[in-house]
Amino acid sequence: MHPVVVYTLSRLGLFAVALGVLYLVGLRSLPLLLLAVLVSGLASYVLLTKQRDAVSERIAAKRRETGKN
């Protein structure tokens, strides 16, 4: 599967998990969304390093191909 798709779906999955857990804890409305964005962002920084590297390698490879033309 394309690295960008994998990374995006992983980020969305982490957001959904954070949203669900924080909802069960009792948060609602705007604080729920803000904290879920923060928690999922921090989690993705730690957990999705491999996927993020694959995306940046894919982008770099495309730029090298474009530079050859």
PDB file of N, CA and C in Angstrom:
ATOM      1  N   MET A   1       0.851  -1.177   0.000  1.00  0.00           N
ATOM      2  CA  MET A   1       0.000   0.000   0.000  1.00  0.00           C
ATOM      3  C   MET A   1       0.899   1.243   0.000  1.00  0.00           C
ATOM      4  N   HIS A   2       0.415   2.308  -0.568  1.00  0.00           N
ATOM      5  CA  HIS A   2       1.151   3.565  -0.678  1.00  0.00           C
ATOM      6  C   HIS A   2       1.469   4.110   0.725  1.00  0.00           C
ATOM      7  N   PRO A   3       2.718   4.526   0.980  1.00  0.00           N
ATOM      8  CA  PRO A   3       3.101   4.988   2.321  1.00  0.00           C
ATOM      9  C   PRO A   3       2.267   6.164   2.832  1.00  0.00           C
ATOM     10  N   VAL A   4       1.845   7.053   1.955  1.00  0.00           N
ATOM     11  CA  VAL A   4       1.037   8.198   2.391  1.00  0.00           C
ATOM     12  C   VAL A   4      -0.323   7.729   2.894  1.00  0.00           C
ATOM     13  N   VAL A   5      -0.887   6.742   2.226  1.00  0.00           N
ATOM     14  CA  VAL A   5      -2.186   6.205   2.648  1.00  0.00           C
ATOM     15  C   VAL A   5      -2.053   5.519   4.004  1.00  0.00           C
ATOM     16  N   VAL A   6      -1.008   4.729   4.168  1.00  0.00           N
ATOM     17  CA  VAL A   6      -0.783   4.030   5.435  1.00  0.00           C
ATOM     18  C   VAL A   6      -0.612   5.036   6.571  1.00  0.00           C
ATOM     19  N   TYR A   7       0.201   6.051   6.343  1.00  0.00           N
ATOM     20  CA  TYR A   7       0.446   7.068   7.372  1.00  0.00           C
ATOM     21  C   TYR A   7      -0.839   7.816   7.723  1.00  0.00           C
ATOM     22  N   THR A   8      -1.602   8.217   6.710  1.00  0.00           N
ATOM     23  CA  THR A   8      -2.833   8.958   6.948  1.00  0.00           C
ATOM     24  C   THR A   8      -3.853   8.117   7.710  1.00  0.00           C
ATOM     25  N   LEU A   9      -4.011   6.862   7.294  1.00  0.00           N
ATOM     26  CA  LEU A   9      -4.956   5.991   8.001  1.00  0.00           C
ATOM     27  C   LEU A   9      -4.500   5.712   9.430  1.00  0.00           C
ATOM     28  N   SER A  10      -3.207   5.600   9.632  1.00  0.00           N
ATOM     29  CA  SER A  10      -2.676   5.392  10.985  1.00  0.00           C
ATOM     30  C   SER A  10      -2.945   6.608  11.868  1.00  0.00           C
ATOM     31  N   ARG A  11      -2.741   7.807  11.305  1.00  0.00           N
ATOM     32  CA  ARG A  11      -3.025   9.031  12.064  1.00  0.00           C
ATOM     33  C   ARG A  11      -4.510   9.121  12.413  1.00  0.00           C
ATOM     34  N   LEU A  12      -5.372   8.808  11.449  1.00  0.00           N
ATOM     35  CA  LEU A  12      -6.808   8.842  11.712  1.00  0.00           C
ATOM     36  C   LEU A  12      -7.208   7.806  12.759  1.00  0.00           C
ATOM     37  N   GLY A  13      -6.580   6.640  12.693  1.00  0.00           N
ATOM     38  CA  GLY A  13      -6.849   5.598  13.684  1.00  0.00           C
ATOM     39  C   GLY A  13      -6.444   6.023  15.085  1.00  0.00           C
ATOM     40  N   LEU A  14      -5.272   6.628  15.203  1.00  0.00           N
ATOM     41  CA  LEU A  14      -4.838   7.118  16.515  1.00  0.00           C
ATOM     42  C   LEU A  14      -5.775   8.199  17.036  1.00  0.00           C
ATOM     43  N   PHE A  15      -6.236   9.071  16.147  1.00  0.00           N
ATOM     44  CA  PHE A  15      -7.185  10.104  16.567  1.00  0.00           C
ATOM     45  C   PHE A  15      -8.485   9.473  17.057  1.00  0.00           C
ATOM     46  N   ALA A  16      -8.977   8.481  16.327  1.00  0.00           N
ATOM     47  CA  ALA A  16     -10.225   7.824  16.722  1.00  0.00           C
ATOM     48  C   ALA A  16     -10.084   7.127  18.076  1.00  0.00           C
ATOM     49  N   VAL A  17      -8.961   6.473  18.293  1.00  0.00           N
ATOM     50  CA  VAL A  17      -8.731   5.800  19.583  1.00  0.00           C
ATOM     51  C   VAL A  17      -8.660   6.826  20.708  1.00  0.00           C
ATOM     52  N   ALA A  18      -7.897   7.904  20.493  1.00  0.00           N
ATOM     53  CA  ALA A  18      -7.792   8.945  21.521  1.00  0.00           C
ATOM     54  C   ALA A  18      -9.158   9.565  21.800  1.00  0.00           C
ATOM     55  N   LEU A  19      -9.915   9.823  20.748  1.00  0.00           N
ATOM     56  CA  LEU A  19     -11.256  10.385  20.902  1.00  0.00           C
ATOM     57  C   LEU A  19     -12.143   9.453  21.716  1.00  0.00           C
ATOM     58  N   GLY A  20     -12.111   8.175  21.395  1.00  0.00           N
ATOM     59  CA  GLY A  20     -12.931   7.205  22.114  1.00  0.00           C
ATOM     60  C   GLY A  20     -12.557   7.078  23.576  1.00  0.00           C
ATOM     61  N   VAL A  21     -11.269   7.006  23.850  1.00  0.00           N
ATOM     62  CA  VAL A  21     -10.813   6.870  25.242  1.00  0.00           C
ATOM     63  C   VAL A  21     -11.169   8.118  26.042  1.00  0.00           C
ATOM     64  N   LEU A  22     -10.918   9.274  25.471  1.00  0.00           N
ATOM     65  CA  LEU A  22     -11.225  10.515  26.196  1.00  0.00           C
ATOM     66  C   LEU A  22     -12.727  10.699  26.380  1.00  0.00           C
ATOM     67  N   TYR A  23     -13.528  10.230  25.435  1.00  0.00           N
ATOM     68  CA  TYR A  23     -14.979  10.274  25.587  1.00  0.00           C
ATOM     69  C   TYR A  23     -15.422   9.386  26.750  1.00  0.00           C
ATOM     70  N   LEU A  24     -14.820   8.206  26.831  1.00  0.00           N
ATOM     71  CA  LEU A  24     -15.164   7.295  27.923  1.00  0.00           C
ATOM     72  C   LEU A  24     -14.730   7.835  29.282  1.00  0.00           C
ATOM     73  N   VAL A  25     -13.664   8.635  29.276  1.00  0.00           N
ATOM     74  CA  VAL A  25     -13.195   9.250  30.516  1.00  0.00           C
ATOM     75  C   VAL A  25     -14.161  10.341  30.977  1.00  0.00           C
ATOM     76  N   GLY A  26     -14.926  10.889  30.050  1.00  0.00           N
ATOM     77  CA  GLY A  26     -15.929  11.870  30.441  1.00  0.00           C
ATOM     78  C   GLY A  26     -15.806  13.225  29.774  1.00  0.00           C
ATOM     79  N   LEU A  27     -14.837  13.400  28.911  1.00  0.00           N
ATOM     80  CA  LEU A  27     -14.713  14.679  28.215  1.00  0.00           C
ATOM     81  C   LEU A  27     -15.768  14.777  27.124  1.00  0.00           C
ATOM     82  N   ARG A  28     -16.221  15.992  26.875  1.00  0.00           N
ATOM     83  CA  ARG A  28     -17.214  16.228  25.833  1.00  0.00           C
ATOM     84  C   ARG A  28     -16.899  17.520  25.100  1.00  0.00           C
ATOM     85  N   SER A  29     -17.446  17.684  23.932  1.00  0.00           N
ATOM     86  CA  SER A  29     -17.438  18.911  23.146  1.00  0.00           C
ATOM     87  C   SER A  29     -16.025  19.343  22.756  1.00  0.00           C
ATOM     88  N   LEU A  30     -15.769  20.637  22.819  1.00  0.00           N
ATOM     89  CA  LEU A  30     -14.510  21.204  22.349  1.00  0.00           C
ATOM     90  C   LEU A  30     -13.289  20.678  23.108  1.00  0.00           C
ATOM     91  N   PRO A  31     -13.332  20.576  24.443  1.00  0.00           N
ATOM     92  CA  PRO A  31     -12.157  20.009  25.139  1.00  0.00           C
ATOM     93  C   PRO A  31     -11.828  18.578  24.674  1.00  0.00           C
ATOM     94  N   LEU A  32     -12.849  17.815  24.364  1.00  0.00           N
ATOM     95  CA  LEU A  32     -12.635  16.456  23.862  1.00  0.00           C
ATOM     96  C   LEU A  32     -11.859  16.483  22.558  1.00  0.00           C
ATOM     97  N   LEU A  33     -12.292  17.304  21.622  1.00  0.00           N
ATOM     98  CA  LEU A  33     -11.631  17.383  20.321  1.00  0.00           C
ATOM     99  C   LEU A  33     -10.205  17.915  20.439  1.00  0.00           C
ATOM    100  N   LEU A  34     -10.023  18.975  21.212  1.00  0.00           N
ATOM    101  CA  LEU A  34      -8.697  19.563  21.357  1.00  0.00           C
ATOM    102  C   LEU A  34      -7.711  18.593  21.998  1.00  0.00           C
ATOM    103  N   LEU A  35      -8.126  17.944  23.058  1.00  0.00           N
ATOM    104  CA  LEU A  35      -7.231  17.000  23.732  1.00  0.00           C
ATOM    105  C   LEU A  35      -6.975  15.770  22.866  1.00  0.00           C
ATOM    106  N   ALA A  36      -7.971  15.326  22.114  1.00  0.00           N
ATOM    107  CA  ALA A  36      -7.784  14.179  21.221  1.00  0.00           C
ATOM    108  C   ALA A  36      -6.773  14.508  20.123  1.00  0.00           C
ATOM    109  N   VAL A  37      -6.823  15.734  19.587  1.00  0.00           N
ATOM    110  CA  VAL A  37      -5.840  16.152  18.577  1.00  0.00           C
ATOM    111  C   VAL A  37      -4.444  16.169  19.189  1.00  0.00           C
ATOM    112  N   LEU A  38      -4.324  16.710  20.379  1.00  0.00           N
ATOM    113  CA  LEU A  38      -3.030  16.795  21.051  1.00  0.00           C
ATOM    114  C   LEU A  38      -2.470  15.404  21.369  1.00  0.00           C
ATOM    115  N   VAL A  39      -3.292  14.560  21.962  1.00  0.00           N
ATOM    116  CA  VAL A  39      -2.850  13.215  22.335  1.00  0.00           C
ATOM    117  C   VAL A  39      -2.487  12.391  21.097  1.00  0.00           C
ATOM    118  N   SER A  40      -3.316  12.443  20.068  1.00  0.00           N
ATOM    119  CA  SER A  40      -3.027  11.654  18.872  1.00  0.00           C
ATOM    120  C   SER A  40      -1.794  12.191  18.142  1.00  0.00           C
ATOM    121  N   GLY A  41      -1.584  13.492  18.179  1.00  0.00           N
ATOM    122  CA  GLY A  41      -0.383  14.065  17.570  1.00  0.00           C
ATOM    123  C   GLY A  41       0.880  13.612  18.270  1.00  0.00           C
ATOM    124  N   LEU A  42       0.864  13.628  19.593  1.00  0.00           N
ATOM    125  CA  LEU A  42       2.022  13.161  20.355  1.00  0.00           C
ATOM    126  C   LEU A  42       2.243  11.660  20.157  1.00  0.00           C
ATOM    127  N   ALA A  43       1.164  10.904  20.148  1.00  0.00           N
ATOM    128  CA  ALA A  43       1.285   9.461  19.948  1.00  0.00           C
ATOM    129  C   ALA A  43       1.820   9.139  18.561  1.00  0.00           C
ATOM    130  N   SER A  44       1.369   9.868  17.563  1.00  0.00           N
ATOM    131  CA  SER A  44       1.841   9.604  16.204  1.00  0.00           C
ATOM    132  C   SER A  44       3.312   9.964  16.061  1.00  0.00           C
ATOM    133  N   TYR A  45       3.756  11.005  16.761  1.00  0.00           N
ATOM    134  CA  TYR A  45       5.167  11.382  16.718  1.00  0.00           C
ATOM    135  C   TYR A  45       6.040  10.237  17.238  1.00  0.00           C
ATOM    136  N   VAL A  46       5.570   9.565  18.267  1.00  0.00           N
ATOM    137  CA  VAL A  46       6.332   8.469  18.865  1.00  0.00           C
ATOM    138  C   VAL A  46       6.124   7.149  18.115  1.00  0.00           C
ATOM    139  N   LEU A  47       4.893   6.838  17.777  1.00  0.00           N
ATOM    140  CA  LEU A  47       4.555   5.509  17.258  1.00  0.00           C
ATOM    141  C   LEU A  47       4.682   5.353  15.750  1.00  0.00           C
ATOM    142  N   LEU A  48       4.622   6.444  15.012  1.00  0.00           N
ATOM    143  CA  LEU A  48       4.585   6.338  13.548  1.00  0.00           C
ATOM    144  C   LEU A  48       5.875   6.802  12.872  1.00  0.00           C
ATOM    145  N   THR A  49       6.990   6.663  13.550  1.00  0.00           N
ATOM    146  CA  THR A  49       8.269   7.084  12.986  1.00  0.00           C
ATOM    147  C   THR A  49       8.587   6.333  11.696  1.00  0.00           C
ATOM    148  N   LYS A  50       8.371   5.051  11.694  1.00  0.00           N
ATOM    149  CA  LYS A  50       8.667   4.229  10.513  1.00  0.00           C
ATOM    150  C   LYS A  50       7.818   4.665   9.313  1.00  0.00           C
ATOM    151  N   GLN A  51       6.533   4.898   9.550  1.00  0.00           N
ATOM    152  CA  GLN A  51       5.642   5.311   8.470  1.00  0.00           C
ATOM    153  C   GLN A  51       5.992   6.711   7.964  1.00  0.00           C
ATOM    154  N   ARG A  52       6.346   7.613   8.892  1.00  0.00           N
ATOM    155  CA  ARG A  52       6.716   8.974   8.511  1.00  0.00           C
ATOM    156  C   ARG A  52       7.995   8.966   7.673  1.00  0.00           C
ATOM    157  N   ASP A  53       8.958   8.112   8.039  1.00  0.00           N
ATOM    158  CA  ASP A  53      10.191   7.987   7.256  1.00  0.00           C
ATOM    159  C   ASP A  53       9.903   7.448   5.854  1.00  0.00           C
ATOM    160  N   ALA A  54       8.973   6.499   5.759  1.00  0.00           N
ATOM    161  CA  ALA A  54       8.620   5.942   4.453  1.00  0.00           C
ATOM    162  C   ALA A  54       7.981   7.012   3.562  1.00  0.00           C
ATOM    163  N   VAL A  55       7.155   7.867   4.151  1.00  0.00           N
ATOM    164  CA  VAL A  55       6.520   8.941   3.380  1.00  0.00           C
ATOM    165  C   VAL A  55       7.577   9.928   2.900  1.00  0.00           C
ATOM    166  N   SER A  56       8.486  10.316   3.776  1.00  0.00           N
ATOM    167  CA  SER A  56       9.491  11.288   3.355  1.00  0.00           C
ATOM    168  C   SER A  56      10.443  10.698   2.326  1.00  0.00           C
ATOM    169  N   GLU A  57      10.730   9.404   2.420  1.00  0.00           N
ATOM    170  CA  GLU A  57      11.567   8.760   1.402  1.00  0.00           C
ATOM    171  C   GLU A  57      10.844   8.741   0.059  1.00  0.00           C
ATOM    172  N   ARG A  58       9.561   8.485   0.082  1.00  0.00           N
ATOM    173  CA  ARG A  58       8.765   8.481  -1.150  1.00  0.00           C
ATOM    174  C   ARG A  58       8.747   9.867  -1.797  1.00  0.00           C
ATOM    175  N   ILE A  59       8.587  10.896  -0.968  1.00  0.00           N
ATOM    176  CA  ILE A  59       8.593  12.263  -1.481  1.00  0.00           C
ATOM    177  C   ILE A  59       9.960  12.614  -2.055  1.00  0.00           C
ATOM    178  N   ALA A  60      11.024  12.241  -1.359  1.00  0.00           N
ATOM    179  CA  ALA A  60      12.379  12.529  -1.830  1.00  0.00           C
ATOM    180  C   ALA A  60      12.653  11.805  -3.141  1.00  0.00           C
ATOM    181  N   ALA A  61      12.194  10.575  -3.263  1.00  0.00           N
ATOM    182  CA  ALA A  61      12.396   9.822  -4.498  1.00  0.00           C
ATOM    183  C   ALA A  61      11.657  10.490  -5.662  1.00  0.00           C
ATOM    184  N   LYS A  62      10.446  10.941  -5.418  1.00  0.00           N
ATOM    185  CA  LYS A  62       9.689  11.641  -6.472  1.00  0.00           C
ATOM    186  C   LYS A  62      10.393  12.930  -6.885  1.00  0.00           C
ATOM    187  N   ARG A  63      10.939  13.641  -5.914  1.00  0.00           N
ATOM    188  CA  ARG A  63      11.655  14.887  -6.243  1.00  0.00           C
ATOM    189  C   ARG A  63      12.908  14.600  -7.049  1.00  0.00           C
ATOM    190  N   ARG A  64      13.613  13.492  -6.716  1.00  0.00           N
ATOM    191  CA  ARG A  64      14.815  13.129  -7.492  1.00  0.00           C
ATOM    192  C   ARG A  64      14.432  12.778  -8.921  1.00  0.00           C
ATOM    193  N   GLU A  65      13.325  12.058  -9.101  1.00  0.00           N
ATOM    194  CA  GLU A  65      12.851  11.705 -10.444  1.00  0.00           C
ATOM    195  C   GLU A  65      12.493  12.965 -11.235  1.00  0.00           C
ATOM    196  N   THR A  66      11.826  13.879 -10.612  1.00  0.00           N
ATOM    197  CA  THR A  66      11.420  15.110 -11.272  1.00  0.00           C
ATOM    198  C   THR A  66      12.642  15.964 -11.626  1.00  0.00           C
ATOM    199  N   GLY A  67      13.651  15.958 -10.803  1.00  0.00           N
ATOM    200  CA  GLY A  67      14.851  16.726 -11.051  1.00  0.00           C
ATOM    201  C   GLY A  67      15.661  16.199 -12.220  1.00  0.00           C
ATOM    202  N   LYS A  68      15.527  14.943 -12.569  1.00  0.00           N
ATOM    203  CA  LYS A  68      16.254  14.351 -13.668  1.00  0.00           C
ATOM    204  C   LYS A  68      15.717  14.791 -15.012  1.00  0.00           C
ATOM    205  N   ASN A  69      14.444  15.187 -15.074  1.00  0.00           N
ATOM    206  CA  ASN A  69      13.812  15.585 -16.346  1.00  0.00           C
ATOM    207  C   ASN A  69      14.246  16.915 -16.791  1.00  0.00           C
TER     208      ASN A  69
END
